[in-house]
Amino acid sequence: MHISISGTTDTAVLSPGDNMSDISAIHIANTHDSDEVLVDLYISLLSESGRAASTFYIMKGHKIEKGGYVNLNSPILKFYNGEGGSGLYVVLNNSDSSVDVLVKK
């Protein structure tokens, strides 16, 4: 599964109910032509009202240089992503920032 993300809006890489609970790796590449990017990657549990109830950061303000990337392989990436479960989100630091995110089961 892959997604291209740009701007400063929190973007769901995996929404609750996508059923990709057994993630083995996440690859995030900076695709901006000239600048570094700061990346927040987090898991969010939703309350019954559909609002974020708890946020757990995997990365907070992680700098990826121009042309750089980060690979994450860890048991912490395994979380319940089924109906009523958690989502995986990315937010970037600048409106012109951009990354590609690949998620591997």
PDB file of N, CA and C in Angstrom:
ATOM      1  N   MET A   1       0.838  -1.158   0.000  1.00  0.00           N
ATOM      2  CA  MET A   1       0.000   0.000   0.000  1.00  0.00           C
ATOM      3  C   MET A   1       0.894   1.236   0.000  1.00  0.00           C
ATOM      4  N   HIS A   2       0.541   2.240  -0.755  1.00  0.00           N
ATOM      5  CA  HIS A   2       1.348   3.458  -0.794  1.00  0.00           C
ATOM      6  C   HIS A   2       0.453   4.684  -0.919  1.00  0.00           C
ATOM      7  N   ILE A   3       0.988   5.811  -0.479  1.00  0.00           N
ATOM      8  CA  ILE A   3       0.261   7.072  -0.539  1.00  0.00           C
ATOM      9  C   ILE A   3       1.266   8.209  -0.645  1.00  0.00           C
ATOM     10  N   SER A   4       0.934   9.224  -1.426  1.00  0.00           N
ATOM     11  CA  SER A   4       1.728  10.453  -1.498  1.00  0.00           C
ATOM     12  C   SER A   4       1.029  11.504  -0.643  1.00  0.00           C
ATOM     13  N   ILE A   5       1.801  12.201   0.177  1.00  0.00           N
ATOM     14  CA  ILE A   5       1.245  13.169   1.119  1.00  0.00           C
ATOM     15  C   ILE A   5       1.971  14.492   0.928  1.00  0.00           C
ATOM     16  N   SER A   6       1.206  15.591   0.986  1.00  0.00           N
ATOM     17  CA  SER A   6       1.818  16.916   0.959  1.00  0.00           C
ATOM     18  C   SER A   6       1.015  17.837   1.869  1.00  0.00           C
ATOM     19  N   GLY A   7       1.657  18.912   2.305  1.00  0.00           N
ATOM     20  CA  GLY A   7       0.982  19.887   3.149  1.00  0.00           C
ATOM     21  C   GLY A   7       1.016  19.531   4.622  1.00  0.00           C
ATOM     22  N   THR A   8       0.305  20.323   5.406  1.00  0.00           N
ATOM     23  CA  THR A   8       0.367  20.203   6.861  1.00  0.00           C
ATOM     24  C   THR A   8      -0.884  19.573   7.481  1.00  0.00           C
ATOM     25  N   THR A   9      -1.772  19.041   6.671  1.00  0.00           N
ATOM     26  CA  THR A   9      -2.975  18.395   7.192  1.00  0.00           C
ATOM     27  C   THR A   9      -2.654  16.977   7.650  1.00  0.00           C
ATOM     28  N   ASP A  10      -3.167  16.585   8.813  1.00  0.00           N
ATOM     29  CA  ASP A  10      -3.019  15.204   9.273  1.00  0.00           C
ATOM     30  C   ASP A  10      -3.687  14.297   8.240  1.00  0.00           C
ATOM     31  N   THR A  11      -2.932  13.343   7.720  1.00  0.00           N
ATOM     32  CA  THR A  11      -3.412  12.477   6.653  1.00  0.00           C
ATOM     33  C   THR A  11      -3.402  11.030   7.105  1.00  0.00           C
ATOM     34  N   ALA A  12      -4.521  10.344   6.888  1.00  0.00           N
ATOM     35  CA  ALA A  12      -4.617   8.929   7.243  1.00  0.00           C
ATOM     36  C   ALA A  12      -3.866   8.096   6.213  1.00  0.00           C
ATOM     37  N   VAL A  13      -2.845   7.400   6.666  1.00  0.00           N
ATOM     38  CA  VAL A  13      -2.171   6.401   5.832  1.00  0.00           C
ATOM     39  C   VAL A  13      -3.013   5.132   5.866  1.00  0.00           C
ATOM     40  N   LEU A  14      -3.482   4.791   7.056  1.00  0.00           N
ATOM     41  CA  LEU A  14      -4.432   3.688   7.255  1.00  0.00           C
ATOM     42  C   LEU A  14      -5.562   4.207   8.125  1.00  0.00           C
ATOM     43  N   SER A  15      -6.775   4.122   7.642  1.00  0.00           N
ATOM     44  CA  SER A  15      -7.936   4.522   8.436  1.00  0.00           C
ATOM     45  C   SER A  15      -8.430   3.341   9.249  1.00  0.00           C
ATOM     46  N   PRO A  16      -9.068   3.586  10.394  1.00  0.00           N
ATOM     47  CA  PRO A  16      -9.670   2.481  11.135  1.00  0.00           C
ATOM     48  C   PRO A  16     -10.615   1.706  10.221  1.00  0.00           C
ATOM     49  N   GLY A  17     -10.506   0.399  10.241  1.00  0.00           N
ATOM     50  CA  GLY A  17     -11.327  -0.444   9.377  1.00  0.00           C
ATOM     51  C   GLY A  17     -10.636  -0.899   8.108  1.00  0.00           C
ATOM     52  N   ASP A  18      -9.408  -0.439   7.854  1.00  0.00           N
ATOM     53  CA  ASP A  18      -8.666  -0.871   6.659  1.00  0.00           C
ATOM     54  C   ASP A  18      -8.142  -2.302   6.786  1.00  0.00           C
ATOM     55  N   ASN A  19      -8.122  -2.835   7.990  1.00  0.00           N
ATOM     56  CA  ASN A  19      -7.715  -4.225   8.251  1.00  0.00           C
ATOM     57  C   ASN A  19      -6.298  -4.549   7.794  1.00  0.00           C
ATOM     58  N   MET A  20      -5.355  -3.656   8.092  1.00  0.00           N
ATOM     59  CA  MET A  20      -3.928  -3.913   7.838  1.00  0.00           C
ATOM     60  C   MET A  20      -3.187  -3.929   9.164  1.00  0.00           C
ATOM     61  N   SER A  21      -3.593  -4.811  10.056  1.00  0.00           N
ATOM     62  CA  SER A  21      -3.049  -4.822  11.413  1.00  0.00           C
ATOM     63  C   SER A  21      -1.639  -5.384  11.501  1.00  0.00           C
ATOM     64  N   ASP A  22      -1.229  -6.213  10.579  1.00  0.00           N
ATOM     65  CA  ASP A  22       0.079  -6.873  10.668  1.00  0.00           C
ATOM     66  C   ASP A  22       1.112  -6.174   9.802  1.00  0.00           C
ATOM     67  N   ILE A  23       1.429  -4.931  10.136  1.00  0.00           N
ATOM     68  CA  ILE A  23       2.411  -4.158   9.375  1.00  0.00           C
ATOM     69  C   ILE A  23       3.812  -4.641   9.755  1.00  0.00           C
ATOM     70  N   SER A  24       4.618  -4.917   8.744  1.00  0.00           N
ATOM     71  CA  SER A  24       6.002  -5.335   9.008  1.00  0.00           C
ATOM     72  C   SER A  24       6.997  -4.198   8.789  1.00  0.00           C
ATOM     73  N   ALA A  25       6.644  -3.219   7.926  1.00  0.00           N
ATOM     74  CA  ALA A  25       7.581  -2.127   7.637  1.00  0.00           C
ATOM     75  C   ALA A  25       6.844  -0.915   7.085  1.00  0.00           C
ATOM     76  N   ILE A  26       7.421   0.252   7.361  1.00  0.00           N
ATOM     77  CA  ILE A  26       6.942   1.509   6.782  1.00  0.00           C
ATOM     78  C   ILE A  26       8.161   2.231   6.213  1.00  0.00           C
ATOM     79  N   HIS A  27       8.044   2.704   4.980  1.00  0.00           N
ATOM     80  CA  HIS A  27       9.115   3.452   4.310  1.00  0.00           C
ATOM     81  C   HIS A  27       8.554   4.840   4.010  1.00  0.00           C
ATOM     82  N   ILE A  28       9.262   5.880   4.444  1.00  0.00           N
ATOM     83  CA  ILE A  28       8.843   7.256   4.179  1.00  0.00           C
ATOM     84  C   ILE A  28       9.981   7.966   3.458  1.00  0.00           C
ATOM     85  N   ALA A  29       9.697   8.488   2.259  1.00  0.00           N
ATOM     86  CA  ALA A  29      10.715   9.170   1.447  1.00  0.00           C
ATOM     87  C   ALA A  29      10.335  10.631   1.246  1.00  0.00           C
ATOM     88  N   ASN A  30      11.294  11.517   1.434  1.00  0.00           N
ATOM     89  CA  ASN A  30      11.100  12.937   1.174  1.00  0.00           C
ATOM     90  C   ASN A  30      11.112  13.149  -0.336  1.00  0.00           C
ATOM     91  N   THR A  31      10.026  13.676  -0.886  1.00  0.00           N
ATOM     92  CA  THR A  31       9.933  13.883  -2.333  1.00  0.00           C
ATOM     93  C   THR A  31       9.995  15.358  -2.721  1.00  0.00           C
ATOM     94  N   HIS A  32      10.267  16.233  -1.759  1.00  0.00           N
ATOM     95  CA  HIS A  32      10.393  17.660  -2.074  1.00  0.00           C
ATOM     96  C   HIS A  32      11.671  17.879  -2.867  1.00  0.00           C
ATOM     97  N   ASP A  33      11.641  18.797  -3.823  1.00  0.00           N
ATOM     98  CA  ASP A  33      12.785  19.030  -4.705  1.00  0.00           C
ATOM     99  C   ASP A  33      13.997  19.641  -4.002  1.00  0.00           C
ATOM    100  N   SER A  34      13.767  20.444  -2.945  1.00  0.00           N
ATOM    101  CA  SER A  34      14.913  21.172  -2.397  1.00  0.00           C
ATOM    102  C   SER A  34      14.992  21.255  -0.882  1.00  0.00           C
ATOM    103  N   ASP A  35      13.977  20.840  -0.154  1.00  0.00           N
ATOM    104  CA  ASP A  35      13.972  21.049   1.298  1.00  0.00           C
ATOM    105  C   ASP A  35      13.876  19.758   2.088  1.00  0.00           C
ATOM    106  N   GLU A  36      14.363  19.830   3.344  1.00  0.00           N
ATOM    107  CA  GLU A  36      14.135  18.756   4.298  1.00  0.00           C
ATOM    108  C   GLU A  36      12.666  18.801   4.728  1.00  0.00           C
ATOM    109  N   VAL A  37      12.210  17.744   5.375  1.00  0.00           N
ATOM    110  CA  VAL A  37      10.849  17.692   5.900  1.00  0.00           C
ATOM    111  C   VAL A  37      10.902  17.128   7.319  1.00  0.00           C
ATOM    112  N   LEU A  38      10.043  17.647   8.179  1.00  0.00           N
ATOM    113  CA  LEU A  38       9.864  17.098   9.516  1.00  0.00           C
ATOM    114  C   LEU A  38       8.574  16.301   9.504  1.00  0.00           C
ATOM    115  N   VAL A  39       8.651  15.061   9.976  1.00  0.00           N
ATOM    116  CA  VAL A  39       7.522  14.133   9.878  1.00  0.00           C
ATOM    117  C   VAL A  39       7.076  13.683  11.264  1.00  0.00           C
ATOM    118  N   ASP A  40       5.769  13.749  11.485  1.00  0.00           N
ATOM    119  CA  ASP A  40       5.146  13.096  12.633  1.00  0.00           C
ATOM    120  C   ASP A  40       4.406  11.882  12.096  1.00  0.00           C
ATOM    121  N   LEU A  41       4.630  10.732  12.707  1.00  0.00           N
ATOM    122  CA  LEU A  41       3.927   9.494  12.369  1.00  0.00           C
ATOM    123  C   LEU A  41       3.316   8.981  13.659  1.00  0.00           C
ATOM    124  N   TYR A  42       1.998   8.785  13.663  1.00  0.00           N
ATOM    125  CA  TYR A  42       1.360   8.383  14.901  1.00  0.00           C
ATOM    126  C   TYR A  42       0.172   7.457  14.672  1.00  0.00           C
ATOM    127  N   ILE A  43      -0.150   6.725  15.731  1.00  0.00           N
ATOM    128  CA  ILE A  43      -1.321   5.859  15.772  1.00  0.00           C
ATOM    129  C   ILE A  43      -2.349   6.582  16.619  1.00  0.00           C
ATOM    130  N   SER A  44      -3.594   6.613  16.149  1.00  0.00           N
ATOM    131  CA  SER A  44      -4.639   7.271  16.907  1.00  0.00           C
ATOM    132  C   SER A  44      -5.814   6.326  17.098  1.00  0.00           C
ATOM    133  N   LEU A  45      -6.253   6.200  18.350  1.00  0.00           N
ATOM    134  CA  LEU A  45      -7.449   5.438  18.682  1.00  0.00           C
ATOM    135  C   LEU A  45      -8.628   6.382  18.619  1.00  0.00           C
ATOM    136  N   LEU A  46      -9.746   5.925  18.083  1.00  0.00           N
ATOM    137  CA  LEU A  46     -10.923   6.768  18.000  1.00  0.00           C
ATOM    138  C   LEU A  46     -11.878   6.463  19.141  1.00  0.00           C
ATOM    139  N   SER A  47     -12.543   7.495  19.622  1.00  0.00           N
ATOM    140  CA  SER A  47     -13.584   7.294  20.622  1.00  0.00           C
ATOM    141  C   SER A  47     -14.861   6.854  19.910  1.00  0.00           C
ATOM    142  N   GLU A  48     -15.881   6.554  20.668  1.00  0.00           N
ATOM    143  CA  GLU A  48     -17.151   6.141  20.063  1.00  0.00           C
ATOM    144  C   GLU A  48     -17.756   7.243  19.209  1.00  0.00           C
ATOM    145  N   SER A  49     -17.446   8.507  19.498  1.00  0.00           N
ATOM    146  CA  SER A  49     -17.976   9.624  18.713  1.00  0.00           C
ATOM    147  C   SER A  49     -17.194   9.825  17.417  1.00  0.00           C
ATOM    148  N   GLY A  50     -16.122   9.048  17.209  1.00  0.00           N
ATOM    149  CA  GLY A  50     -15.321   9.175  15.994  1.00  0.00           C
ATOM    150  C   GLY A  50     -14.209  10.191  16.103  1.00  0.00           C
ATOM    151  N   ARG A  51     -14.042  10.819  17.250  1.00  0.00           N
ATOM    152  CA  ARG A  51     -12.947  11.765  17.466  1.00  0.00           C
ATOM    153  C   ARG A  51     -11.740  11.028  18.047  1.00  0.00           C
ATOM    154  N   ALA A  52     -10.567  11.579  17.810  1.00  0.00           N
ATOM    155  CA  ALA A  52      -9.355  10.950  18.345  1.00  0.00           C
ATOM    156  C   ALA A  52      -9.401  10.951  19.870  1.00  0.00           C
ATOM    157  N   ALA A  53      -9.273   9.783  20.463  1.00  0.00           N
ATOM    158  CA  ALA A  53      -9.293   9.662  21.914  1.00  0.00           C
ATOM    159  C   ALA A  53      -7.882   9.596  22.489  1.00  0.00           C
ATOM    160  N   SER A  54      -6.990   8.933  21.783  1.00  0.00           N
ATOM    161  CA  SER A  54      -5.603   8.787  22.235  1.00  0.00           C
ATOM    162  C   SER A  54      -4.683   8.811  21.027  1.00  0.00           C
ATOM    163  N   THR A  55      -3.559   9.478  21.184  1.00  0.00           N
ATOM    164  CA  THR A  55      -2.563   9.553  20.122  1.00  0.00           C
ATOM    165  C   THR A  55      -1.244   9.018  20.658  1.00  0.00           C
ATOM    166  N   PHE A  56      -0.621   8.105  19.883  1.00  0.00           N
ATOM    167  CA  PHE A  56       0.648   7.503  20.258  1.00  0.00           C
ATOM    168  C   PHE A  56       1.642   7.730  19.125  1.00  0.00           C
ATOM    169  N   TYR A  57       2.664   8.538  19.397  1.00  0.00           N
ATOM    170  CA  TYR A  57       3.632   8.890  18.352  1.00  0.00           C
ATOM    171  C   TYR A  57       4.667   7.783  18.163  1.00  0.00           C
ATOM    172  N   ILE A  58       4.897   7.445  16.910  1.00  0.00           N
ATOM    173  CA  ILE A  58       5.989   6.554  16.526  1.00  0.00           C
ATOM    174  C   ILE A  58       7.205   7.419  16.212  1.00  0.00           C
ATOM    175  N   MET A  59       6.975   8.547  15.530  1.00  0.00           N
ATOM    176  CA  MET A  59       8.013   9.548  15.246  1.00  0.00           C
ATOM    177  C   MET A  59       7.387  10.919  15.461  1.00  0.00           C
ATOM    178  N   LYS A  60       8.120  11.839  16.045  1.00  0.00           N
ATOM    179  CA  LYS A  60       7.629  13.204  16.254  1.00  0.00           C
ATOM    180  C   LYS A  60       8.722  14.167  15.826  1.00  0.00           C
ATOM    181  N   GLY A  61       8.451  14.953  14.772  1.00  0.00           N
ATOM    182  CA  GLY A  61       9.429  15.920  14.294  1.00  0.00           C
ATOM    183  C   GLY A  61      10.681  15.287  13.728  1.00  0.00           C
ATOM    184  N   HIS A  62      10.548  14.086  13.151  1.00  0.00           N
ATOM    185  CA  HIS A  62      11.721  13.390  12.592  1.00  0.00           C
ATOM    186  C   HIS A  62      12.143  14.060  11.282  1.00  0.00           C
ATOM    187  N   LYS A  63      13.400  14.510  11.235  1.00  0.00           N
ATOM    188  CA  LYS A  63      13.903  15.209  10.045  1.00  0.00           C
ATOM    189  C   LYS A  63      14.358  14.209   8.991  1.00  0.00           C
ATOM    190  N   ILE A  64      13.818  14.389   7.775  1.00  0.00           N
ATOM    191  CA  ILE A  64      14.273  13.615   6.619  1.00  0.00           C
ATOM    192  C   ILE A  64      14.854  14.625   5.630  1.00  0.00           C
ATOM    193  N   GLU A  65      16.132  14.497   5.360  1.00  0.00           N
ATOM    194  CA  GLU A  65      16.827  15.418   4.457  1.00  0.00           C
ATOM    195  C   GLU A  65      16.283  15.317   3.027  1.00  0.00           C
ATOM    196  N   LYS A  66      16.546  16.342   2.239  1.00  0.00           N
ATOM    197  CA  LYS A  66      16.195  16.329   0.818  1.00  0.00           C
ATOM    198  C   LYS A  66      16.739  15.039   0.189  1.00  0.00           C
ATOM    199  N   GLY A  67      15.892  14.296  -0.493  1.00  0.00           N
ATOM    200  CA  GLY A  67      16.307  13.054  -1.133  1.00  0.00           C
ATOM    201  C   GLY A  67      16.467  11.891  -0.176  1.00  0.00           C
ATOM    202  N   GLY A  68      16.184  12.106   1.103  1.00  0.00           N
ATOM    203  CA  GLY A  68      16.375  11.066   2.108  1.00  0.00           C
ATOM    204  C   GLY A  68      15.115  10.251   2.372  1.00  0.00           C
ATOM    205  N   TYR A  69      15.272   9.269   3.232  1.00  0.00           N
ATOM    206  CA  TYR A  69      14.153   8.397   3.589  1.00  0.00           C
ATOM    207  C   TYR A  69      14.412   7.785   4.957  1.00  0.00           C
ATOM    208  N   VAL A  70      13.379   7.176   5.498  1.00  0.00           N
ATOM    209  CA  VAL A  70      13.491   6.424   6.742  1.00  0.00           C
ATOM    210  C   VAL A  70      12.722   5.117   6.556  1.00  0.00           C
ATOM    211  N   ASN A  71      13.319   4.029   7.040  1.00  0.00           N
ATOM    212  CA  ASN A  71      12.663   2.713   7.044  1.00  0.00           C
ATOM    213  C   ASN A  71      12.390   2.323   8.482  1.00  0.00           C
ATOM    214  N   LEU A  72      11.178   1.923   8.773  1.00  0.00           N
ATOM    215  CA  LEU A  72      10.804   1.494  10.117  1.00  0.00           C
ATOM    216  C   LEU A  72      10.412   0.030  10.075  1.00  0.00           C
ATOM    217  N   ASN A  73      11.113  -0.788  10.833  1.00  0.00           N
ATOM    218  CA  ASN A  73      10.799  -2.212  10.988  1.00  0.00           C
ATOM    219  C   ASN A  73      10.781  -2.477  12.480  1.00  0.00           C
ATOM    220  N   SER A  74       9.607  -2.705  13.043  1.00  0.00           N
ATOM    221  CA  SER A  74       9.521  -2.869  14.488  1.00  0.00           C
ATOM    222  C   SER A  74       8.209  -3.533  14.865  1.00  0.00           C
ATOM    223  N   PRO A  75       8.203  -4.327  15.934  1.00  0.00           N
ATOM    224  CA  PRO A  75       6.950  -4.907  16.413  1.00  0.00           C
ATOM    225  C   PRO A  75       5.941  -3.841  16.853  1.00  0.00           C
ATOM    226  N   ILE A  76       6.394  -2.631  17.146  1.00  0.00           N
ATOM    227  CA  ILE A  76       5.489  -1.567  17.559  1.00  0.00           C
ATOM    228  C   ILE A  76       4.544  -1.149  16.433  1.00  0.00           C
ATOM    229  N   LEU A  77       4.877  -1.519  15.200  1.00  0.00           N
ATOM    230  CA  LEU A  77       4.034  -1.172  14.061  1.00  0.00           C
ATOM    231  C   LEU A  77       2.780  -2.038  13.980  1.00  0.00           C
ATOM    232  N   LYS A  78       2.708  -3.087  14.765  1.00  0.00           N
ATOM    233  CA  LYS A  78       1.551  -3.973  14.752  1.00  0.00           C
ATOM    234  C   LYS A  78       0.514  -3.440  15.735  1.00  0.00           C
ATOM    235  N   PHE A  79      -0.626  -3.027  15.214  1.00  0.00           N
ATOM    236  CA  PHE A  79      -1.719  -2.517  16.034  1.00  0.00           C
ATOM    237  C   PHE A  79      -3.036  -2.917  15.370  1.00  0.00           C
ATOM    238  N   TYR A  80      -4.113  -2.890  16.132  1.00  0.00           N
ATOM    239  CA  TYR A  80      -5.413  -3.301  15.596  1.00  0.00           C
ATOM    240  C   TYR A  80      -5.957  -2.200  14.693  1.00  0.00           C
ATOM    241  N   ASN A  81      -6.113  -2.515  13.403  1.00  0.00           N
ATOM    242  CA  ASN A  81      -6.577  -1.567  12.400  1.00  0.00           C
ATOM    243  C   ASN A  81      -7.937  -1.968  11.841  1.00  0.00           C
ATOM    244  N   GLY A  82      -8.616  -2.879  12.521  1.00  0.00           N
ATOM    245  CA  GLY A  82      -9.937  -3.298  12.073  1.00  0.00           C
ATOM    246  C   GLY A  82     -11.005  -2.282  12.434  1.00  0.00           C
ATOM    247  N   GLU A  83     -12.252  -2.629  12.171  1.00  0.00           N
ATOM    248  CA  GLU A  83     -13.387  -1.761  12.486  1.00  0.00           C
ATOM    249  C   GLU A  83     -13.368  -1.390  13.969  1.00  0.00           C
ATOM    250  N   GLY A  84     -13.445  -0.100  14.274  1.00  0.00           N
ATOM    251  CA  GLY A  84     -13.405   0.363  15.649  1.00  0.00           C
ATOM    252  C   GLY A  84     -12.006   0.419  16.236  1.00  0.00           C
ATOM    253  N   GLY A  85     -10.983   0.180  15.405  1.00  0.00           N
ATOM    254  CA  GLY A  85      -9.603   0.172  15.889  1.00  0.00           C
ATOM    255  C   GLY A  85      -8.902   1.494  15.667  1.00  0.00           C
ATOM    256  N   SER A  86      -7.601   1.405  15.480  1.00  0.00           N
ATOM    257  CA  SER A  86      -6.750   2.587  15.347  1.00  0.00           C
ATOM    258  C   SER A  86      -6.427   2.876  13.889  1.00  0.00           C
ATOM    259  N   GLY A  87      -6.028   4.110  13.629  1.00  0.00           N
ATOM    260  CA  GLY A  87      -5.543   4.521  12.323  1.00  0.00           C
ATOM    261  C   GLY A  87      -4.097   4.949  12.425  1.00  0.00           C
ATOM    262  N   LEU A  88      -3.413   5.000  11.294  1.00  0.00           N
ATOM    263  CA  LEU A  88      -2.021   5.438  11.205  1.00  0.00           C
ATOM    264  C   LEU A  88      -2.001   6.739  10.408  1.00  0.00           C
ATOM    265  N   TYR A  89      -1.392   7.781  10.985  1.00  0.00           N
ATOM    266  CA  TYR A  89      -1.466   9.115  10.402  1.00  0.00           C
ATOM    267  C   TYR A  89      -0.085   9.737  10.253  1.00  0.00           C
ATOM    268  N   VAL A  90       0.027  10.637   9.257  1.00  0.00           N
ATOM    269  CA  VAL A  90       1.245  11.405   9.019  1.00  0.00           C
ATOM    270  C   VAL A  90       0.864  12.873   8.951  1.00  0.00           C
ATOM    271  N   VAL A  91       1.701  13.721   9.537  1.00  0.00           N
ATOM    272  CA  VAL A  91       1.572  15.166   9.365  1.00  0.00           C
ATOM    273  C   VAL A  91       2.971  15.721   9.106  1.00  0.00           C
ATOM    274  N   LEU A  92       3.050  16.673   8.180  1.00  0.00           N
ATOM    275  CA  LEU A  92       4.322  17.281   7.778  1.00  0.00           C
ATOM    276  C   LEU A  92       4.393  18.715   8.289  1.00  0.00           C
ATOM    277  N   ASN A  93       5.591  19.296   8.289  1.00  0.00           N
ATOM    278  CA  ASN A  93       5.792  20.595   8.915  1.00  0.00           C
ATOM    279  C   ASN A  93       5.512  21.801   8.037  1.00  0.00           C
ATOM    280  N   ASN A  94       5.553  21.692   6.717  1.00  0.00           N
ATOM    281  CA  ASN A  94       5.355  22.854   5.843  1.00  0.00           C
ATOM    282  C   ASN A  94       4.300  22.570   4.784  1.00  0.00           C
ATOM    283  N   SER A  95       3.632  23.636   4.346  1.00  0.00           N
ATOM    284  CA  SER A  95       2.572  23.470   3.351  1.00  0.00           C
ATOM    285  C   SER A  95       3.098  22.948   2.017  1.00  0.00           C
ATOM    286  N   ASP A  96       4.389  23.175   1.723  1.00  0.00           N
ATOM    287  CA  ASP A  96       4.946  22.665   0.467  1.00  0.00           C
ATOM    288  C   ASP A  96       5.764  21.386   0.652  1.00  0.00           C
ATOM    289  N   SER A  97       5.756  20.816   1.856  1.00  0.00           N
ATOM    290  CA  SER A  97       6.453  19.545   2.092  1.00  0.00           C
ATOM    291  C   SER A  97       5.721  18.404   1.406  1.00  0.00           C
ATOM    292  N   SER A  98       6.476  17.350   1.051  1.00  0.00           N
ATOM    293  CA  SER A  98       5.844  16.184   0.427  1.00  0.00           C
ATOM    294  C   SER A  98       6.665  14.927   0.699  1.00  0.00           C
ATOM    295  N   VAL A  99       5.954  13.821   0.908  1.00  0.00           N
ATOM    296  CA  VAL A  99       6.582  12.525   1.135  1.00  0.00           C
ATOM    297  C   VAL A  99       5.770  11.440   0.445  1.00  0.00           C
ATOM    298  N   ASP A 100       6.423  10.331   0.181  1.00  0.00           N
ATOM    299  CA  ASP A 100       5.750   9.111  -0.226  1.00  0.00           C
ATOM    300  C   ASP A 100       5.863   8.133   0.939  1.00  0.00           C
ATOM    301  N   VAL A 101       4.759   7.467   1.256  1.00  0.00           N
ATOM    302  CA  VAL A 101       4.721   6.512   2.355  1.00  0.00           C
ATOM    303  C   VAL A 101       4.326   5.150   1.783  1.00  0.00           C
ATOM    304  N   LEU A 102       5.136   4.139   2.064  1.00  0.00           N
ATOM    305  CA  LEU A 102       4.819   2.769   1.666  1.00  0.00           C
ATOM    306  C   LEU A 102       4.676   1.916   2.924  1.00  0.00           C
ATOM    307  N   VAL A 103       3.602   1.136   2.975  1.00  0.00           N
ATOM    308  CA  VAL A 103       3.333   0.275   4.117  1.00  0.00           C
ATOM    309  C   VAL A 103       3.326  -1.166   3.630  1.00  0.00           C
ATOM    310  N   LYS A 104       4.080  -2.013   4.309  1.00  0.00           N
ATOM    311  CA  LYS A 104       4.192  -3.420   3.923  1.00  0.00           C
ATOM    312  C   LYS A 104       3.629  -4.300   5.021  1.00  0.00           C
ATOM    313  N   LYS A 105       2.784  -5.240   4.636  1.00  0.00           N
ATOM    314  CA  LYS A 105       2.248  -6.219   5.584  1.00  0.00           C
ATOM    315  C   LYS A 105       3.258  -7.298   5.840  1.00  0.00           C
TER     316      LYS A 105
END
